[in-house]
Amino acid sequence: MKYVVILGDGMADYRQESLGGKTPLELAKKPNIDGLCARAEVGKLRTVPWGMKPGSDVANLSVLGYDPKECYTGRSPLEAASIGIDLKSTDVTARANLVTVSDESCYAEKTMIDYSAGEISTAEAKILIEYLAKELNDDVYTLYAGISYRHCLVIDKGEVAGDLTPPHDITGKPIKEYLPKSQLGKRYLAIMEKSYELLRNHPVNLERIKQGKRPANSLWFWGEGTKPALQSFKEKFNLNGGIISAVDLLKGIGKLAKMRVIEVEGATGNYDTNFSGKAKACIDALHDGLDYVYLHMEAPDECGHHGDAEHKIYSIEQIDEKVVKPILESLRSSGEPFAMLICPDHPTPLNTMTHCAEPVPYILYRSDDSLSSSVKSYTEDMAEETGIFVESGVEMAKRFLE
């Protein structure tokens, strides 16, 4: 039996007035996904446990079958694992976004223009982070470069401040009320303020401005945590598992769970990603001995954060045509029974441009089961109307894998 999870990050949404009262899932042309509905279980799944924030870290752990209430220690430590940072038990890490803030002279009076600094390239970001590291690193604080705008700060013998706000939650808002306020948080704030002074006239940013791009003119810290410990996927489920993603968060989870982390050339984490390459990597991995592949695509989430309806719909259509279709064709031609789970980790509505904790629509398809439903299309409302509700990712993993 082969198992494939198709995870469209942030794919679910609210009905949007700008889309004629419909959602991107309703408007997207997705014949391959919709074609599974009549012979599948379709319903709603709670991916974010009550009382926890709806981050991709918590939600993806949940869909993978790990209970976040038992194993979650923060987002940044998961990303640190992907970067290759060997954390000590006394370390605290924080995600360090390169962001674009407005140019008021007083840092507290600035506005969050862009949480990703215009999706800055990894090459440009590496130059900026290495420059900041030379200026800011000391015996306590160490910056590490990651991918695009996503980087990591490690604090030796640190403590968790607990009042850090994700920058994608405050796009277009004045940052004053979201700045760290605790004594520990003020240390982060001092580094953020210093980073602005160092970055605002850096040659990389001056060139970006010249090209009409947004400058990466400040660090912004959030997602702090301590070293996690995950049971290996093989021990937990007795399956050889792999994970495919463009982002450090999912790669870090994969490494900590001792799954095969599969790299795909041209995987960007946005709507220009190599969808076909990801599908081929999944197919190859299943032929090469893996029983389970978790195929994560960040594109719908990034589009949701930017309020970009056109490319969110496009991303869903690309997932259907370039990912789901070839994987289904390969699995069916093999003659081996398989199961496929299609879902988001959480909604990222276009109008709010951030995550929410509401349950997500899912499709659970088995090639060797005569499941049937009256559902004709994979949408939020259709999933709601079935009345099927799965309370947690752990419960879903049992249904999917057992």
Protein backbone atom coordinates (compact mmCIF):
# COMPACT_ATOMS: atom_id res chain seq x y z
CA MET A 1 0.00 0.00 0.00
CA LYS A 2 1.27 3.45 -0.92
CA TYR A 3 0.22 6.64 0.85
CA VAL A 4 0.40 10.18 -0.56
CA VAL A 5 -0.58 13.43 1.17
CA ILE A 6 -1.15 16.40 -1.16
CA LEU A 7 -0.90 19.41 1.16
CA GLY A 8 -1.92 22.72 -0.42
CA ASP A 9 -0.77 25.15 2.28
CA GLY A 10 -3.44 27.76 3.06
CA MET A 11 -5.62 26.53 0.16
CA ALA A 12 -8.96 26.95 1.98
CA ASP A 13 -10.58 30.37 2.20
CA TYR A 14 -13.68 32.41 2.99
CA ARG A 15 -16.22 33.49 0.41
CA GLN A 16 -14.74 36.65 -1.11
CA GLU A 17 -16.80 39.61 -2.26
CA SER A 18 -14.07 40.35 -4.81
CA LEU A 19 -14.65 36.86 -6.28
CA GLY A 20 -18.41 37.19 -6.60
CA GLY A 21 -19.05 35.58 -3.23
CA LYS A 22 -17.03 32.45 -4.07
CA THR A 23 -13.80 30.93 -2.76
CA PRO A 24 -10.65 30.13 -4.79
CA LEU A 25 -11.43 26.41 -4.45
CA GLU A 26 -14.86 27.03 -6.00
CA LEU A 27 -13.44 29.02 -8.92
CA ALA A 28 -10.38 26.91 -9.67
CA LYS A 29 -10.60 24.39 -12.52
CA LYS A 30 -9.49 21.15 -10.86
CA PRO A 31 -11.03 18.17 -12.69
CA ASN A 32 -8.58 15.63 -11.29
CA ILE A 33 -9.23 16.53 -7.64
CA ASP A 34 -12.97 16.88 -8.20
CA GLY A 35 -12.99 13.54 -10.02
CA LEU A 36 -11.96 11.78 -6.81
CA CYS A 37 -14.88 13.10 -4.76
CA ALA A 38 -17.57 10.65 -5.89
CA ARG A 39 -15.48 7.68 -4.71
CA ALA A 40 -13.91 9.25 -1.64
CA GLU A 41 -14.65 10.39 1.87
CA VAL A 42 -15.07 14.17 1.90
CA GLY A 43 -15.42 16.19 5.08
CA LYS A 44 -13.87 18.70 7.45
CA LEU A 45 -10.73 18.23 9.55
CA ARG A 46 -9.55 20.18 12.59
CA THR A 47 -5.81 20.62 12.10
CA VAL A 48 -5.20 23.22 14.81
CA PRO A 49 -5.92 21.98 18.35
CA TRP A 50 -8.05 24.21 20.56
CA GLY A 51 -5.97 26.91 22.24
CA MET A 52 -3.05 26.76 19.79
CA LYS A 53 -2.15 29.35 17.16
CA PRO A 54 -2.92 28.43 13.53
CA GLY A 55 0.65 28.31 12.26
CA SER A 56 1.89 26.03 9.51
CA ASP A 57 4.15 24.43 12.11
CA VAL A 58 1.30 23.26 14.36
CA ALA A 59 -1.02 22.40 11.47
CA ASN A 60 1.49 20.37 9.43
CA LEU A 61 2.64 18.42 12.49
CA SER A 62 -1.03 17.63 13.03
CA VAL A 63 -1.68 16.42 9.47
CA LEU A 64 1.48 14.29 9.67
CA GLY A 65 -0.06 12.56 12.69
CA TYR A 66 1.97 14.19 15.48
CA ASP A 67 0.01 15.76 18.36
CA PRO A 68 1.26 19.37 18.63
CA LYS A 69 0.13 19.56 22.25
CA GLU A 70 2.66 16.84 23.04
CA CYS A 71 5.60 17.62 20.75
CA TYR A 72 5.47 21.29 19.71
CA THR A 73 8.21 23.53 21.18
CA GLY A 74 8.07 26.44 18.71
CA ARG A 75 8.43 27.09 15.00
CA SER A 76 11.99 28.33 14.70
CA PRO A 77 13.60 25.18 16.17
CA LEU A 78 11.98 23.15 13.39
CA GLU A 79 13.47 25.46 10.77
CA ALA A 80 16.83 25.41 12.56
CA ALA A 81 16.93 21.64 12.05
CA SER A 82 16.56 22.13 8.31
CA ILE A 83 19.33 24.74 8.17
CA GLY A 84 21.57 22.26 9.99
CA ILE A 85 21.96 24.08 13.29
CA ASP A 86 22.90 21.71 16.10
CA LEU A 87 20.88 23.18 18.96
CA LYS A 88 21.79 22.70 22.60
CA SER A 89 19.05 22.00 25.12
CA THR A 90 19.70 25.46 26.61
CA ASP A 91 19.34 27.31 23.27
CA VAL A 92 16.34 29.39 22.26
CA THR A 93 15.80 30.14 18.58
CA ALA A 94 13.65 32.71 16.80
CA ARG A 95 12.63 33.03 13.16
CA ALA A 96 14.33 36.09 11.70
CA ASN A 97 12.35 37.47 8.77
CA LEU A 98 13.90 39.98 6.41
CA VAL A 99 11.02 42.45 6.06
CA THR A 100 10.23 45.80 4.47
CA VAL A 101 9.16 48.53 6.88
CA SER A 102 8.34 52.15 6.08
CA ASP A 103 10.98 54.87 6.44
CA GLU A 104 9.88 56.97 9.43
CA SER A 105 12.89 58.02 11.51
CA CYS A 106 11.45 56.55 14.70
CA TYR A 107 11.38 52.74 14.48
CA ALA A 108 8.20 52.44 16.53
CA GLU A 109 6.32 54.67 14.08
CA LYS A 110 7.01 52.45 11.08
CA THR A 111 4.47 50.31 9.17
CA MET A 112 4.92 46.68 8.11
CA ILE A 113 4.99 46.98 4.31
CA ASP A 114 5.99 43.41 3.39
CA TYR A 115 6.75 40.44 5.64
CA SER A 116 8.90 38.85 2.88
CA ALA A 117 10.77 41.92 1.54
CA GLY A 118 9.31 41.31 -1.89
CA GLU A 119 10.17 37.59 -1.80
CA ILE A 120 13.86 38.50 -1.70
CA SER A 121 16.11 35.96 -3.40
CA THR A 122 18.13 33.54 -1.32
CA ALA A 123 21.38 34.87 -2.85
CA GLU A 124 20.60 38.48 -1.90
CA ALA A 125 19.38 37.47 1.55
CA LYS A 126 22.56 35.49 2.23
CA ILE A 127 24.66 38.60 1.61
CA LEU A 128 22.51 40.66 3.97
CA ILE A 129 22.37 38.06 6.76
CA GLU A 130 26.13 37.45 6.62
CA TYR A 131 26.67 41.22 6.82
CA LEU A 132 24.35 41.49 9.81
CA ALA A 133 26.00 38.51 11.47
CA LYS A 134 29.41 40.23 11.33
CA GLU A 135 27.92 43.32 12.94
CA LEU A 136 25.50 41.77 15.44
CA ASN A 137 26.73 38.30 16.45
CA ASP A 138 28.28 37.97 19.90
CA ASP A 139 28.69 35.32 22.60
CA VAL A 140 24.90 35.16 23.08
CA TYR A 141 23.23 35.94 19.74
CA THR A 142 24.05 34.19 16.43
CA LEU A 143 22.32 34.76 13.08
CA TYR A 144 22.09 31.97 10.50
CA ALA A 145 21.03 32.34 6.87
CA GLY A 146 18.11 30.30 5.57
CA ILE A 147 16.05 30.55 2.38
CA SER A 148 14.65 33.75 0.85
CA TYR A 149 13.29 35.91 3.70
CA ARG A 150 13.32 33.10 6.31
CA HIS A 151 16.33 33.04 8.67
CA CYS A 152 17.21 32.07 12.22
CA LEU A 153 18.56 33.67 15.39
CA VAL A 154 19.99 31.40 18.12
CA ILE A 155 20.27 32.69 21.70
CA ASP A 156 22.72 30.87 23.96
CA LYS A 157 21.22 30.01 27.38
CA GLY A 158 18.14 31.91 26.26
CA GLU A 159 14.63 32.30 27.55
CA VAL A 160 11.36 32.56 25.65
CA ALA A 161 10.01 36.12 25.52
CA GLY A 162 6.50 35.01 24.57
CA ASP A 163 5.23 38.26 23.02
CA LEU A 164 6.48 38.11 19.44
CA THR A 165 4.05 38.71 16.56
CA PRO A 166 4.36 37.04 13.12
CA PRO A 167 4.96 39.80 10.55
CA HIS A 168 2.51 38.26 8.08
CA ASP A 169 -0.24 38.98 10.62
CA ILE A 170 0.34 42.75 10.47
CA THR A 171 0.88 43.53 6.79
CA GLY A 172 -0.07 47.16 6.16
CA LYS A 173 -0.38 47.92 9.88
CA PRO A 174 1.68 50.26 12.09
CA ILE A 175 4.12 48.11 14.05
CA LYS A 176 4.01 50.13 17.29
CA GLU A 177 1.51 47.98 19.19
CA TYR A 178 3.11 44.74 17.93
CA LEU A 179 6.66 45.42 19.07
CA PRO A 180 8.06 43.17 21.82
CA LYS A 181 7.30 44.65 25.22
CA SER A 182 8.71 42.19 27.78
CA GLN A 183 12.20 42.64 29.17
CA LEU A 184 13.40 39.73 27.05
CA GLY A 185 11.51 41.02 24.04
CA LYS A 186 13.23 44.40 24.30
CA ARG A 187 16.51 42.66 23.53
CA TYR A 188 14.99 41.46 20.25
CA LEU A 189 13.70 44.98 19.59
CA ALA A 190 17.16 46.49 20.07
CA ILE A 191 18.55 44.12 17.41
CA MET A 192 15.65 44.89 15.06
CA GLU A 193 16.28 48.63 15.41
CA LYS A 194 20.01 48.19 14.82
CA SER A 195 19.34 46.00 11.78
CA TYR A 196 17.35 48.81 10.18
CA GLU A 197 20.24 51.22 10.55
CA LEU A 198 22.61 48.68 9.04
CA LEU A 199 20.37 47.59 6.16
CA ARG A 200 18.63 50.73 4.92
CA ASN A 201 21.59 51.89 2.79
CA HIS A 202 23.17 48.52 2.06
CA PRO A 203 24.19 48.16 -1.62
CA VAL A 204 21.86 45.15 -2.07
CA ASN A 205 18.90 47.24 -0.97
CA LEU A 206 19.92 50.30 -2.97
CA GLU A 207 20.05 48.10 -6.07
CA ARG A 208 16.66 46.55 -5.23
CA ILE A 209 15.13 50.02 -4.89
CA LYS A 210 16.72 51.04 -8.20
CA GLN A 211 15.03 48.01 -9.82
CA GLY A 212 11.66 48.93 -8.32
CA LYS A 213 11.80 46.14 -5.71
CA ARG A 214 11.14 46.38 -2.00
CA PRO A 215 14.23 46.62 0.21
CA ALA A 216 14.92 44.08 2.95
CA ASN A 217 15.51 46.86 5.47
CA SER A 218 14.88 45.20 8.85
CA LEU A 219 14.93 41.96 10.78
CA TRP A 220 11.73 40.87 12.52
CA PHE A 221 11.77 38.13 15.13
CA TRP A 222 8.97 35.68 15.93
CA GLY A 223 8.23 31.93 16.27
CA GLU A 224 10.71 31.38 19.11
CA GLY A 225 11.17 28.02 20.81
CA THR A 226 13.47 25.36 22.19
CA LYS A 227 15.00 22.15 20.87
CA PRO A 228 12.24 19.65 19.95
CA ALA A 229 12.20 15.87 19.97
CA LEU A 230 10.01 13.97 17.49
CA GLN A 231 9.54 10.22 17.40
CA SER A 232 10.79 8.90 14.06
CA PHE A 233 8.09 8.44 11.43
CA LYS A 234 9.22 4.85 10.91
CA GLU A 235 8.86 4.00 14.61
CA LYS A 236 5.52 5.79 14.89
CA PHE A 237 3.79 4.37 11.81
CA ASN A 238 6.01 1.49 10.64
CA LEU A 239 6.30 3.13 7.21
CA ASN A 240 9.22 4.50 5.23
CA GLY A 241 8.26 8.14 4.81
CA GLY A 242 9.51 11.10 2.80
CA ILE A 243 8.72 14.77 2.65
CA ILE A 244 8.89 17.19 -0.29
CA SER A 245 8.76 20.94 0.34
CA ALA A 246 10.48 24.18 -0.60
CA VAL A 247 10.43 25.61 2.92
CA ASP A 248 12.74 25.02 5.87
CA LEU A 249 9.86 24.42 8.28
CA LEU A 250 8.70 21.23 6.56
CA LYS A 251 12.25 20.09 5.80
CA GLY A 252 13.08 20.53 9.48
CA ILE A 253 10.08 18.48 10.56
CA GLY A 254 11.15 15.79 8.09
CA LYS A 255 14.71 15.70 9.40
CA LEU A 256 13.59 15.55 13.04
CA ALA A 257 11.16 12.72 12.20
CA LYS A 258 13.99 10.94 10.34
CA MET A 259 12.03 10.99 7.10
CA ARG A 260 13.72 11.23 3.70
CA VAL A 261 13.84 14.95 2.84
CA ILE A 262 13.67 15.20 -0.94
CA GLU A 263 15.05 18.28 -2.68
CA VAL A 264 13.53 19.50 -5.95
CA GLU A 265 15.34 21.89 -8.25
CA GLY A 266 13.27 25.00 -8.91
CA ALA A 267 11.07 24.60 -5.82
CA THR A 268 10.48 28.17 -4.63
CA GLY A 269 7.61 28.06 -2.15
CA ASN A 270 5.48 30.31 -4.35
CA TYR A 271 3.28 30.11 -7.46
CA ASP A 272 6.36 29.99 -9.70
CA THR A 273 7.54 26.77 -8.08
CA ASN A 274 8.40 23.63 -10.02
CA PHE A 275 5.06 21.82 -9.59
CA SER A 276 5.93 19.15 -12.17
CA GLY A 277 9.30 18.52 -10.56
CA LYS A 278 7.65 17.96 -7.19
CA ALA A 279 5.24 15.44 -8.70
CA LYS A 280 8.08 13.58 -10.41
CA ALA A 281 10.06 13.51 -7.16
CA CYS A 282 7.05 11.99 -5.40
CA ILE A 283 6.58 9.33 -8.08
CA ASP A 284 10.30 8.49 -8.09
CA ALA A 285 10.38 8.21 -4.29
CA LEU A 286 7.44 5.80 -4.26
CA HIS A 287 9.20 3.65 -6.89
CA ASP A 288 12.39 3.87 -4.84
CA GLY A 289 11.07 2.20 -1.71
CA LEU A 290 9.10 4.84 0.16
CA ASP A 291 5.66 3.85 1.42
CA TYR A 292 4.51 7.37 2.28
CA VAL A 293 5.18 10.79 0.76
CA TYR A 294 4.07 14.11 2.23
CA LEU A 295 4.03 16.57 -0.68
CA HIS A 296 3.78 20.13 0.64
CA MET A 297 3.14 23.16 -1.59
CA GLU A 298 3.43 26.63 -0.07
CA ALA A 299 2.10 28.57 -3.06
CA PRO A 300 -1.59 29.06 -2.07
CA ASP A 301 -0.52 30.26 1.38
CA GLU A 302 1.92 32.86 0.04
CA CYS A 303 -0.77 34.13 -2.34
CA GLY A 304 -3.22 34.35 0.55
CA HIS A 305 -0.74 36.40 2.58
CA HIS A 306 -0.42 38.83 -0.32
CA GLY A 307 -4.17 38.99 -1.01
CA ASP A 308 -3.41 37.69 -4.51
CA ALA A 309 -6.62 35.95 -5.63
CA GLU A 310 -5.50 35.41 -9.23
CA HIS A 311 -2.40 33.45 -8.32
CA LYS A 312 -4.07 31.59 -5.47
CA ILE A 313 -6.58 30.19 -7.98
CA TYR A 314 -3.73 29.56 -10.44
CA SER A 315 -1.77 27.66 -7.76
CA ILE A 316 -4.71 25.37 -7.03
CA GLU A 317 -5.11 24.68 -10.75
CA GLN A 318 -1.40 23.89 -11.07
CA ILE A 319 -1.61 21.48 -8.12
CA ASP A 320 -4.49 19.72 -9.85
CA GLU A 321 -2.94 19.55 -13.33
CA LYS A 322 0.77 19.17 -12.66
CA VAL A 323 0.78 17.34 -9.31
CA VAL A 324 -2.39 15.34 -8.65
CA LYS A 325 -2.92 14.18 -12.24
CA PRO A 326 0.53 12.62 -12.90
CA ILE A 327 0.74 11.08 -9.43
CA LEU A 328 -2.68 9.46 -9.83
CA GLU A 329 -1.76 8.19 -13.29
CA SER A 330 1.46 6.67 -11.96
CA LEU A 331 -0.17 5.05 -8.94
CA ARG A 332 -3.00 3.59 -10.99
CA SER A 333 -0.67 2.20 -13.63
CA SER A 334 1.42 0.44 -10.96
CA GLY A 335 -1.50 -1.78 -9.97
CA GLU A 336 -0.59 -1.44 -6.28
CA PRO A 337 -3.34 -0.21 -3.92
CA PHE A 338 -2.89 3.34 -2.67
CA ALA A 339 -4.48 6.01 -0.53
CA MET A 340 -4.40 9.76 -1.14
CA LEU A 341 -5.26 12.55 1.31
CA ILE A 342 -5.78 16.03 -0.12
CA CYS A 343 -6.17 18.99 2.23
CA PRO A 344 -4.72 22.32 3.37
CA ASP A 345 -2.99 22.69 6.71
CA HIS A 346 -5.15 25.74 7.55
CA PRO A 347 -7.09 28.42 5.65
CA THR A 348 -5.28 31.60 4.61
CA PRO A 349 -8.16 33.88 3.59
CA LEU A 350 -7.49 36.54 0.98
CA ASN A 351 -9.31 39.27 2.86
CA THR A 352 -7.48 38.79 6.18
CA MET A 353 -4.14 37.80 4.57
CA THR A 354 -3.24 35.58 7.53
CA HIS A 355 -3.96 32.12 8.92
CA CYS A 356 -7.09 31.11 10.77
CA ALA A 357 -7.80 28.04 12.89
CA GLU A 358 -11.04 26.93 11.24
CA PRO A 359 -11.34 23.27 10.13
CA VAL A 360 -10.28 22.54 6.56
CA PRO A 361 -11.94 20.50 3.79
CA TYR A 362 -10.34 17.15 2.99
CA ILE A 363 -10.60 14.29 0.51
CA LEU A 364 -9.62 10.78 1.61
CA TYR A 365 -9.43 8.44 -1.38
CA ARG A 366 -8.58 4.72 -1.41
CA SER A 367 -8.05 2.85 -4.66
CA ASP A 368 -9.18 -0.45 -3.11
CA ASP A 369 -12.31 0.79 -1.35
CA SER A 370 -15.78 1.39 -2.73
CA LEU A 371 -16.35 4.65 -0.84
CA SER A 372 -19.01 6.80 -2.40
CA SER A 373 -20.41 10.26 -1.82
CA SER A 374 -22.74 12.73 -3.48
CA VAL A 375 -19.98 15.35 -3.55
CA LYS A 376 -19.17 16.60 -7.03
CA SER A 377 -16.54 19.22 -6.27
CA TYR A 378 -13.89 19.77 -3.61
CA THR A 379 -14.93 23.00 -1.89
CA GLU A 380 -15.36 24.29 1.63
CA ASP A 381 -19.17 24.18 1.45
CA MET A 382 -19.37 20.73 -0.15
CA ALA A 383 -17.13 19.31 2.58
CA GLU A 384 -19.28 20.96 5.24
CA GLU A 385 -22.49 19.54 3.79
CA THR A 386 -21.38 15.91 4.16
CA GLY A 387 -21.53 16.26 7.94
CA ILE A 388 -18.30 14.27 8.30
CA PHE A 389 -15.92 15.83 10.82
CA VAL A 390 -12.54 14.58 12.00
CA GLU A 391 -11.53 16.15 15.30
CA SER A 392 -7.73 16.03 14.97
CA GLY A 393 -4.80 15.29 12.71
CA VAL A 394 -3.89 12.34 14.92
CA GLU A 395 -7.34 10.84 14.32
CA MET A 396 -7.02 11.53 10.58
CA ALA A 397 -3.63 9.81 10.45
CA LYS A 398 -5.21 6.72 11.98
CA ARG A 399 -8.02 6.77 9.42
CA PHE A 400 -5.60 7.36 6.57
CA LEU A 401 -2.87 4.90 7.50
CA GLU A 402 -4.74 2.12 9.28
